[in-house]
Amino acid sequence: MNFVKKVEWTIKKHTMIQAKDKILVGVSGGADSLALLYVLKELKQKHDFELGVVCVDHMFRGEESKKEALYVQELATKWGINSYVYEKNVPKIIKKTGLSPEDAGHKIRHEIYNELKGKYNYTKLALGHHAEDRAETVLLHLVQGTGLKGLASMPPVFNWMIRPLAEVTKQEVIDYCQKEKIIYHQDPTNEQKIYLRNKIRLDLIPYLQKELNPNIVEALLKLENIVEVDNKFLENYTKKIKKEVLSSSQNDNIIIDLEKFNKLDLAIKRRILRDIYQNLRKDTQGLSYHHVENIIELSLNKKGAKSINLPQGIIVKKSYTSLIFTQNKKESVVEKNREIPVNVPGKTIIPGEDIIIEAFLSDKMIKSKDYYQVVVDRDKLPSPLTIRKRKPGDRVHLLGMEGTKKLKNFFIDRKIEKEKRDQINLICSGDNIIWIPGLALSNQVRVTNETKNYLILQIKSKEIV
């Protein structure tokens, strides 16, 4: 099977491309990415997809890398393919952030890829990683210390990323470039052993092939494939269990039920904690194995520390019933004082909280089982409904209560943690708190025998309390 047919088979096997796809190809000017571009150009008419080319000059090598980016742009122009060339001062970014050259370059490239995806509606991102690249990545993460996710971090398809060269070797790429007379550039930094990935490619893999297993690349790819499937199953299972232990989930504050969490298997605990950290920071950068183990120890210990500081400003606090994850930054005054009108009838989405308040009008009474769905006398509402957080001086007059009480004291009586109180949504009519979803209903709007017009309110999720 020739090179193009082999790549085409990989595309078909992993369902990488569909008709009408708009594919952005990451091209550096090296053999791998140019071979990928040539193959996709040959296949695009047959499979009915569009191409765009993006090249990022990391400015490590001055005029040399600038010329390589210009070469890629000229090639795309000759073929009538849209191209996007960027110059990014990655050395400066490294000094500012402390990231490694590889991590800084990866971060910048993917920011650009996502920007182009949103701006020009690209559906796929094609990258030129081949079989040895994937094997190197398995070993790289293994020697650095990793879990299952790290062993399966370069699959043929991931989200919108595709790797059509995933099952061809580096030598096959070089042979194809020579056959097609493709002019490619060699980055001299790829031969510098100051980088761990280069040491693995230049020293470790050849040693393993010679001394232990001549088919080590195939063995590592088999491991990656097995782990990828297992990891997907565990990720889906973890999402399901995470919903059961979360008692609150908002932009900057996530609370888990301590009793439920401590009953979980250790493997699922670790995954939930990493997932929560990623939800708050959009990645798991800086979160180590030891951080995760310290949080688990915090959750189990009845004595000792009550909080842990994690990288990137994340704080984990323990109360008598919860583990509370917060970001160490001041809450926006605008956000805290925000009031959202409730659509009556209709649905109201609370921004950033994945919560929906639904309101229905009725001329008949229905029974509600709990305070996640309530029925009120519509004619007793003094003004339109709004959603807000608590304010200083808030008071409530709830069903079964004589007179009014400070909202703060109500929360204390119900043993609502201090960190959680500012997150609870209040349904109000003017200055009056009508409903505290999941907790209580105001006596002011209670239904009586004289009620003629009913308003049914409910929340879509119970995760707000």
Protein backbone atom coordinates (compact mmCIF):
# COMPACT_ATOMS: atom_id res chain seq x y z
CA MET A 1 0.00 0.00 0.00
CA ASN A 2 1.52 3.34 -1.03
CA PHE A 3 1.83 6.29 1.34
CA VAL A 4 -1.28 8.19 0.21
CA LYS A 5 -3.45 5.05 0.32
CA LYS A 6 -2.16 4.24 3.81
CA VAL A 7 -3.01 7.73 5.08
CA GLU A 8 -6.40 7.56 3.36
CA TRP A 9 -7.09 4.25 5.10
CA THR A 10 -6.23 5.78 8.49
CA ILE A 11 -8.61 8.66 7.77
CA LYS A 12 -11.39 6.23 6.88
CA LYS A 13 -10.75 3.83 9.78
CA HIS A 14 -10.95 6.60 12.39
CA THR A 15 -13.72 8.58 10.60
CA MET A 16 -11.51 11.66 10.60
CA ILE A 17 -13.06 13.55 7.71
CA GLN A 18 -16.59 13.96 6.39
CA ALA A 19 -17.82 15.63 3.20
CA LYS A 20 -17.96 19.44 3.44
CA ASP A 21 -15.47 19.53 6.33
CA LYS A 22 -13.34 22.65 6.53
CA ILE A 23 -9.90 21.50 7.63
CA LEU A 24 -7.20 23.71 9.12
CA VAL A 25 -3.74 22.16 8.62
CA GLY A 26 -0.95 23.06 11.03
CA VAL A 27 2.22 23.35 8.93
CA SER A 28 5.68 24.19 10.25
CA GLY A 29 7.67 23.68 7.05
CA GLY A 30 9.12 20.37 8.23
CA ALA A 31 8.79 17.01 6.46
CA ASP A 32 5.86 15.72 8.53
CA SER A 33 3.48 18.65 8.18
CA LEU A 34 4.33 19.27 4.51
CA ALA A 35 3.77 15.58 3.68
CA LEU A 36 0.40 15.87 5.42
CA LEU A 37 -0.51 18.98 3.42
CA TYR A 38 0.46 17.32 0.12
CA VAL A 39 -1.65 14.24 0.89
CA LEU A 40 -4.70 16.24 1.96
CA LYS A 41 -4.39 18.41 -1.15
CA GLU A 42 -4.45 15.24 -3.25
CA LEU A 43 -7.48 13.85 -1.40
CA LYS A 44 -9.59 16.98 -0.98
CA GLN A 45 -11.42 16.82 -4.29
CA LYS A 46 -12.15 13.10 -3.97
CA HIS A 47 -13.55 13.48 -0.44
CA ASP A 48 -15.10 16.94 -0.89
CA PHE A 49 -13.47 18.99 1.87
CA GLU A 50 -11.81 22.42 2.09
CA LEU A 51 -8.33 23.25 3.33
CA GLY A 52 -6.71 26.14 5.16
CA VAL A 53 -3.08 26.37 6.28
CA VAL A 54 -1.71 27.94 9.47
CA CYS A 55 1.98 28.44 10.22
CA VAL A 56 3.34 29.88 13.47
CA ASP A 57 6.87 31.28 13.61
CA HIS A 58 7.99 30.87 17.24
CA MET A 59 10.91 33.28 16.64
CA PHE A 60 13.51 30.93 18.09
CA ARG A 61 15.72 31.04 14.99
CA GLY A 62 15.41 34.58 13.65
CA GLU A 63 15.43 34.97 9.86
CA GLU A 64 15.66 31.22 9.28
CA SER A 65 12.27 30.41 10.82
CA LYS A 66 10.79 33.53 9.20
CA LYS A 67 11.80 32.25 5.75
CA GLU A 68 10.27 28.84 6.50
CA ALA A 69 6.93 30.45 7.38
CA LEU A 70 7.07 32.53 4.20
CA TYR A 71 7.76 29.37 2.17
CA VAL A 72 4.64 27.70 3.62
CA GLN A 73 2.57 30.78 2.80
CA GLU A 74 3.84 30.89 -0.80
CA LEU A 75 3.09 27.19 -1.28
CA ALA A 76 -0.48 27.61 -0.02
CA THR A 77 -0.99 30.65 -2.25
CA LYS A 78 0.26 28.71 -5.30
CA TRP A 79 -2.34 26.02 -4.60
CA GLY A 80 -5.15 28.50 -3.94
CA ILE A 81 -5.42 27.57 -0.25
CA ASN A 82 -6.13 30.18 2.42
CA SER A 83 -3.11 30.64 4.68
CA TYR A 84 -2.54 32.31 8.04
CA VAL A 85 1.01 33.11 9.18
CA TYR A 86 1.77 34.34 12.69
CA GLU A 87 4.92 35.58 14.40
CA LYS A 88 4.92 34.92 18.15
CA ASN A 89 7.82 35.77 20.42
CA VAL A 90 7.82 32.48 22.32
CA PRO A 91 11.23 33.11 24.02
CA LYS A 92 9.73 36.23 25.60
CA ILE A 93 6.63 34.27 26.69
CA ILE A 94 8.87 31.62 28.28
CA LYS A 95 10.64 34.27 30.37
CA LYS A 96 7.33 35.77 31.43
CA THR A 97 5.48 32.54 32.28
CA GLY A 98 8.24 30.08 33.20
CA LEU A 99 6.81 27.51 30.79
CA SER A 100 9.11 25.09 28.97
CA PRO A 101 9.78 25.84 25.26
CA GLU A 102 7.58 22.90 24.24
CA ASP A 103 4.69 23.87 26.54
CA ALA A 104 4.86 27.56 25.61
CA GLY A 105 4.87 26.78 21.88
CA HIS A 106 1.99 24.33 22.26
CA LYS A 107 -0.05 26.87 24.23
CA ILE A 108 0.46 29.65 21.66
CA ARG A 109 -0.27 27.43 18.66
CA HIS A 110 -3.50 26.09 20.08
CA GLU A 111 -4.70 29.56 21.05
CA ILE A 112 -4.23 30.52 17.39
CA TYR A 113 -5.91 27.33 16.14
CA ASN A 114 -8.96 27.96 18.31
CA GLU A 115 -9.11 31.61 17.25
CA LEU A 116 -9.15 30.60 13.56
CA LYS A 117 -11.70 27.89 14.26
CA GLY A 118 -14.12 30.43 15.70
CA LYS A 119 -13.42 33.13 13.13
CA TYR A 120 -13.56 31.04 9.94
CA ASN A 121 -15.68 28.03 11.02
CA TYR A 122 -13.04 25.33 10.61
CA THR A 123 -14.40 21.94 11.63
CA LYS A 124 -11.15 19.95 11.91
CA LEU A 125 -7.55 20.65 12.83
CA ALA A 126 -5.09 18.33 11.04
CA LEU A 127 -1.67 17.85 12.65
CA GLY A 128 1.33 15.98 11.27
CA HIS A 129 2.15 13.63 14.16
CA HIS A 130 3.29 10.20 12.98
CA ALA A 131 3.69 6.83 14.72
CA GLU A 132 7.05 7.60 16.34
CA ASP A 133 5.74 10.93 17.67
CA ARG A 134 2.97 9.06 19.46
CA ALA A 135 5.38 6.45 20.84
CA GLU A 136 7.73 9.21 22.04
CA THR A 137 4.84 10.89 23.85
CA VAL A 138 3.93 7.68 25.70
CA LEU A 139 7.53 7.32 26.92
CA LEU A 140 7.85 11.03 27.68
CA HIS A 141 4.83 11.00 29.96
CA LEU A 142 5.83 7.66 31.46
CA VAL A 143 9.26 8.87 32.60
CA GLN A 144 7.77 12.13 33.91
CA GLY A 145 5.09 10.30 35.89
CA THR A 146 1.56 10.08 34.54
CA GLY A 147 -1.81 8.40 34.78
CA LEU A 148 -3.88 6.73 32.08
CA LYS A 149 -4.77 10.04 30.44
CA GLY A 150 -1.10 10.88 29.89
CA LEU A 151 -0.46 7.51 28.25
CA ALA A 152 -3.22 8.21 25.72
CA SER A 153 -2.57 11.88 25.04
CA MET A 154 -1.93 11.67 21.28
CA PRO A 155 -4.75 9.54 19.82
CA PRO A 156 -5.56 9.64 16.08
CA VAL A 157 -8.71 11.68 16.83
CA PHE A 158 -9.32 13.98 19.79
CA ASN A 159 -12.15 16.51 19.83
CA TRP A 160 -11.67 18.49 16.59
CA MET A 161 -8.03 17.41 16.16
CA ILE A 162 -7.14 14.70 13.64
CA ARG A 163 -3.79 13.03 12.96
CA PRO A 164 -3.93 11.42 9.50
CA LEU A 165 -0.24 10.36 9.73
CA ALA A 166 -0.82 8.56 13.05
CA GLU A 167 -0.08 5.10 11.61
CA VAL A 168 2.84 5.86 9.27
CA THR A 169 6.48 5.92 10.31
CA LYS A 170 8.97 8.76 10.05
CA GLN A 171 10.89 6.85 7.39
CA GLU A 172 7.72 6.51 5.31
CA VAL A 173 7.24 10.28 5.57
CA ILE A 174 10.81 10.94 4.39
CA ASP A 175 10.48 8.44 1.54
CA TYR A 176 7.25 10.14 0.39
CA CYS A 177 8.87 13.59 0.49
CA GLN A 178 11.78 12.35 -1.61
CA LYS A 179 9.48 10.64 -4.10
CA GLU A 180 7.32 13.76 -4.52
CA LYS A 181 10.39 16.07 -4.45
CA ILE A 182 8.93 18.00 -1.51
CA ILE A 183 11.31 20.67 -0.26
CA TYR A 184 11.18 20.69 3.52
CA HIS A 185 13.16 22.38 6.26
CA GLN A 186 14.90 20.68 9.16
CA ASP A 187 14.69 22.39 12.53
CA PRO A 188 18.17 22.05 14.11
CA THR A 189 16.65 22.21 17.61
CA ASN A 190 15.18 18.74 16.96
CA GLU A 191 18.72 17.36 17.24
CA GLN A 192 19.57 19.13 20.50
CA LYS A 193 19.56 16.73 23.44
CA ILE A 194 18.87 19.50 25.93
CA TYR A 195 15.18 18.67 25.41
CA LEU A 196 13.80 15.51 27.02
CA ARG A 197 11.68 14.59 23.99
CA ASN A 198 14.78 14.71 21.78
CA LYS A 199 16.69 12.47 24.21
CA ILE A 200 13.87 9.94 24.04
CA ARG A 201 13.78 10.03 20.23
CA LEU A 202 17.54 10.05 19.65
CA ASP A 203 18.76 7.82 22.51
CA LEU A 204 16.07 5.91 24.41
CA ILE A 205 13.96 4.51 21.55
CA PRO A 206 17.00 3.33 19.51
CA TYR A 207 18.37 1.66 22.67
CA LEU A 208 15.06 -0.10 23.36
CA GLN A 209 14.83 -1.22 19.73
CA LYS A 210 18.35 -2.63 19.79
CA GLU A 211 18.49 -4.17 23.26
CA LEU A 212 14.92 -5.10 24.23
CA ASN A 213 12.30 -5.02 21.48
CA PRO A 214 12.85 -4.12 17.80
CA ASN A 215 9.09 -3.47 17.59
CA ILE A 216 8.97 -1.10 20.57
CA VAL A 217 7.12 1.61 18.60
CA GLU A 218 4.31 -0.80 17.70
CA ALA A 219 4.19 -2.05 21.31
CA LEU A 220 3.86 1.49 22.67
CA LEU A 221 1.11 2.32 20.17
CA LYS A 222 -0.76 -0.82 21.20
CA LEU A 223 -0.51 0.32 24.82
CA GLU A 224 -1.80 3.77 23.86
CA ASN A 225 -4.77 2.29 22.00
CA ILE A 226 -5.74 0.03 24.92
CA VAL A 227 -5.39 2.82 27.47
CA GLU A 228 -7.36 5.28 25.31
CA VAL A 229 -10.43 3.03 25.33
CA ASP A 230 -10.16 2.31 29.06
CA ASN A 231 -9.67 5.98 29.85
CA LYS A 232 -12.76 7.04 27.88
CA PHE A 233 -14.87 4.59 29.87
CA LEU A 234 -13.49 5.88 33.18
CA GLU A 235 -13.99 9.51 32.13
CA ASN A 236 -17.65 8.91 31.32
CA TYR A 237 -18.17 6.97 34.56
CA THR A 238 -16.45 9.72 36.56
CA LYS A 239 -18.75 12.38 35.06
CA LYS A 240 -21.76 10.40 36.22
CA ILE A 241 -20.44 9.91 39.77
CA LYS A 242 -19.24 13.52 39.97
CA LYS A 243 -22.80 14.78 39.45
CA GLU A 244 -23.91 12.67 42.40
CA VAL A 245 -21.32 14.07 44.84
CA LEU A 246 -21.51 17.73 43.74
CA SER A 247 -23.72 19.84 45.97
CA SER A 248 -22.94 23.09 44.14
CA SER A 249 -21.14 24.03 40.94
CA GLN A 250 -20.61 27.59 39.74
CA ASN A 251 -17.92 29.51 37.88
CA ASP A 252 -15.55 30.19 40.77
CA ASN A 253 -16.86 27.89 43.48
CA ILE A 254 -17.40 24.12 43.49
CA ILE A 255 -18.63 22.22 46.55
CA ILE A 256 -18.72 18.45 46.97
CA ASP A 257 -20.58 16.44 49.58
CA LEU A 258 -17.92 15.06 51.93
CA GLU A 259 -19.89 12.03 53.11
CA LYS A 260 -20.65 10.86 49.56
CA PHE A 261 -17.12 11.63 48.35
CA ASN A 262 -15.42 9.64 51.11
CA LYS A 263 -17.40 6.52 50.16
CA LEU A 264 -15.97 6.50 46.63
CA ASP A 265 -13.17 4.31 45.31
CA LEU A 266 -9.76 6.01 45.42
CA ALA A 267 -9.38 5.90 41.62
CA ILE A 268 -12.64 7.82 41.12
CA LYS A 269 -11.77 10.30 43.89
CA ARG A 270 -8.54 11.20 42.12
CA ARG A 271 -10.30 11.68 38.79
CA ILE A 272 -13.04 13.85 40.30
CA LEU A 273 -10.48 16.11 42.00
CA ARG A 274 -8.47 16.60 38.81
CA ASP A 275 -11.69 17.27 36.90
CA ILE A 276 -12.81 19.92 39.40
CA TYR A 277 -9.42 21.65 39.21
CA GLN A 278 -9.65 21.62 35.42
CA ASN A 279 -13.17 23.07 35.54
CA LEU A 280 -11.90 26.01 37.56
CA ARG A 281 -8.67 26.63 35.62
CA LYS A 282 -9.46 25.17 32.13
CA ASP A 283 -6.44 22.85 32.42
CA THR A 284 -4.58 20.76 35.01
CA GLN A 285 -1.28 22.61 34.69
CA GLY A 286 0.63 22.61 37.97
CA LEU A 287 -1.59 20.05 39.68
CA SER A 288 0.62 17.17 40.79
CA TYR A 289 -0.01 13.70 42.17
CA HIS A 290 0.96 14.98 45.62
CA HIS A 291 -1.59 17.81 45.47
CA VAL A 292 -4.37 15.31 44.75
CA GLU A 293 -3.24 13.01 47.57
CA ASN A 294 -3.13 15.96 50.00
CA ILE A 295 -6.75 16.84 49.17
CA ILE A 296 -7.82 13.23 49.78
CA GLU A 297 -5.98 13.27 53.12
CA LEU A 298 -7.73 16.54 53.99
CA SER A 299 -11.11 14.98 53.21
CA LEU A 300 -10.46 12.05 55.58
CA ASN A 301 -8.70 13.75 58.49
CA LYS A 302 -10.83 14.89 61.40
CA LYS A 303 -7.91 16.88 62.75
CA GLY A 304 -5.14 18.95 61.21
CA ALA A 305 -5.27 21.42 58.33
CA LYS A 306 -8.64 22.75 57.25
CA SER A 307 -7.49 24.14 53.90
CA ILE A 308 -4.92 23.58 51.15
CA ASN A 309 -3.51 26.06 48.64
CA LEU A 310 -3.15 24.64 45.13
CA PRO A 311 -1.33 26.11 42.10
CA GLN A 312 -2.93 28.91 40.08
CA GLY A 313 -4.79 30.39 43.05
CA ILE A 314 -7.11 27.47 43.83
CA ILE A 315 -7.99 26.97 47.51
CA VAL A 316 -9.59 23.82 48.95
CA LYS A 317 -11.39 24.25 52.28
CA LYS A 318 -12.95 21.58 54.44
CA SER A 319 -16.11 22.15 56.46
CA TYR A 320 -17.96 19.59 58.54
CA THR A 321 -20.00 18.43 55.53
CA SER A 322 -18.19 19.64 52.41
CA LEU A 323 -15.01 20.18 50.43
CA ILE A 324 -15.10 23.67 48.93
CA PHE A 325 -12.96 24.61 45.90
CA THR A 326 -12.61 28.34 45.27
CA GLN A 327 -10.49 30.66 43.17
CA ASN A 328 -8.46 33.16 45.13
CA LYS A 329 -9.85 36.30 43.56
CA LYS A 330 -12.35 38.90 44.62
CA GLU A 331 -15.88 38.43 43.41
CA SER A 332 -17.04 41.07 40.98
CA VAL A 333 -19.37 43.58 42.64
CA VAL A 334 -21.39 43.75 39.42
CA GLU A 335 -21.81 39.96 39.44
CA LYS A 336 -22.77 39.86 43.10
CA ASN A 337 -25.40 42.58 42.75
CA ARG A 338 -26.79 41.29 39.46
CA GLU A 339 -30.55 40.83 39.21
CA ILE A 340 -32.00 38.70 36.41
CA PRO A 341 -35.66 39.06 35.37
CA VAL A 342 -37.64 35.80 35.50
CA ASN A 343 -39.62 34.98 32.37
CA VAL A 344 -43.24 34.31 33.37
CA PRO A 345 -44.28 32.10 31.73
CA GLY A 346 -41.13 30.61 30.25
CA LYS A 347 -37.56 29.54 31.01
CA THR A 348 -34.82 31.68 32.53
CA ILE A 349 -31.18 30.60 32.24
CA ILE A 350 -28.85 31.83 34.97
CA PRO A 351 -25.59 32.76 33.16
CA GLY A 352 -22.53 30.78 34.20
CA GLU A 353 -24.44 28.40 36.46
CA ASP A 354 -26.07 25.89 34.10
CA ILE A 355 -29.35 26.36 35.96
CA ILE A 356 -32.79 26.98 34.49
CA ILE A 357 -35.80 28.41 36.31
CA GLU A 358 -39.07 27.38 34.67
CA ALA A 359 -42.36 29.21 35.29
CA PHE A 360 -45.83 27.93 34.33
CA LEU A 361 -49.22 29.58 34.69
CA SER A 362 -52.17 27.46 35.80
CA ASP A 363 -55.74 27.80 36.99
CA LYS A 364 -55.50 24.52 38.90
CA MET A 365 -53.55 23.54 41.98
CA ILE A 366 -50.86 20.87 41.75
CA LYS A 367 -48.99 19.19 44.59
CA SER A 368 -45.22 19.59 44.85
CA LYS A 369 -43.05 17.05 46.64
CA ASP A 370 -40.26 19.38 47.73
CA TYR A 371 -38.96 22.93 47.47
CA TYR A 372 -37.39 22.31 44.06
CA GLN A 373 -40.86 22.85 42.63
CA VAL A 374 -43.28 25.25 44.31
CA VAL A 375 -46.76 26.63 43.66
CA VAL A 376 -47.54 30.24 44.60
CA ASP A 377 -50.53 32.54 44.46
CA ARG A 378 -49.78 34.66 41.39
CA ASP A 379 -52.06 37.49 42.51
CA LYS A 380 -50.05 37.98 45.72
CA LEU A 381 -46.83 38.90 43.90
CA PRO A 382 -46.24 42.63 44.49
CA SER A 383 -43.98 43.03 41.44
CA PRO A 384 -42.25 41.00 38.66
CA LEU A 385 -39.94 38.18 39.71
CA THR A 386 -36.15 38.46 39.65
CA ILE A 387 -33.22 36.21 40.57
CA ARG A 388 -30.38 37.50 42.72
CA LYS A 389 -27.90 36.55 45.44
CA ARG A 390 -28.25 37.58 49.08
CA LYS A 391 -27.73 41.16 50.26
CA PRO A 392 -26.86 42.57 53.69
CA GLY A 393 -30.01 42.95 55.77
CA ASP A 394 -32.11 40.40 53.86
CA ARG A 395 -35.02 39.04 55.89
CA VAL A 396 -37.45 36.22 55.17
CA HIS A 397 -40.97 35.29 56.26
CA LEU A 398 -41.24 31.62 55.40
CA LEU A 399 -43.97 29.01 55.67
CA GLY A 400 -44.35 27.80 59.24
CA MET A 401 -42.49 30.81 60.62
CA GLU A 402 -43.94 33.40 62.98
CA GLY A 403 -42.75 36.83 61.91
CA THR A 404 -39.57 37.44 59.94
CA LYS A 405 -36.01 36.26 60.40
CA LYS A 406 -32.65 37.39 59.07
CA LEU A 407 -31.70 35.34 56.03
CA LYS A 408 -28.25 34.87 57.57
CA ASN A 409 -29.78 33.25 60.66
CA PHE A 410 -31.97 31.01 58.50
CA PHE A 411 -28.83 29.74 56.72
CA ILE A 412 -27.10 29.17 60.06
CA ASP A 413 -30.11 27.24 61.39
CA ARG A 414 -30.08 25.05 58.27
CA LYS A 415 -26.29 24.53 58.62
CA ILE A 416 -25.51 26.06 55.22
CA GLU A 417 -21.75 26.66 55.00
CA LYS A 418 -20.66 30.29 54.85
CA GLU A 419 -18.95 29.84 51.46
CA LYS A 420 -22.13 28.36 50.03
CA ARG A 421 -24.52 31.10 51.18
CA ASP A 422 -23.31 33.65 48.62
CA GLN A 423 -23.98 31.17 45.80
CA ILE A 424 -27.61 30.39 46.56
CA ASN A 425 -30.08 31.94 44.14
CA LEU A 426 -33.03 33.81 45.60
CA ILE A 427 -36.28 34.33 43.70
CA CYS A 428 -37.62 37.74 44.64
CA SER A 429 -40.58 40.00 43.99
CA GLY A 430 -39.32 43.51 44.57
CA ASP A 431 -37.40 43.42 47.87
CA ASN A 432 -39.30 40.36 49.10
CA ILE A 433 -37.65 36.93 48.95
CA ILE A 434 -40.37 34.66 47.57
CA TRP A 435 -38.54 31.36 47.16
CA ILE A 436 -35.20 29.87 48.17
CA PRO A 437 -34.95 26.97 45.68
CA GLY A 438 -34.58 23.65 47.43
CA LEU A 439 -34.95 25.18 50.89
CA ALA A 440 -38.05 27.25 51.59
CA LEU A 441 -41.05 29.23 50.30
CA SER A 442 -42.35 32.59 51.50
CA ASN A 443 -45.51 32.70 53.58
CA GLN A 444 -46.44 35.87 51.68
CA VAL A 445 -47.33 33.99 48.47
CA ARG A 446 -48.77 30.80 49.95
CA VAL A 447 -51.73 29.19 48.24
CA THR A 448 -55.09 29.33 50.08
CA ASN A 449 -58.68 28.32 49.36
CA GLU A 450 -59.20 31.76 47.82
CA THR A 451 -56.37 31.36 45.28
CA LYS A 452 -57.58 31.57 41.68
CA ASN A 453 -54.39 31.99 39.66
CA TYR A 454 -51.44 29.71 40.29
CA LEU A 455 -47.80 30.13 39.33
CA ILE A 456 -45.63 27.00 39.27
CA LEU A 457 -41.88 27.53 39.65
CA GLN A 458 -39.23 24.84 39.35
CA ILE A 459 -35.51 24.45 38.79
CA LYS A 460 -34.00 22.13 36.22
CA SER A 461 -31.18 20.95 38.47
CA LYS A 462 -30.80 20.42 42.19
CA GLU A 463 -27.11 21.28 42.10
CA ILE A 464 -27.61 24.86 43.31
CA VAL A 465 -28.08 23.88 46.96
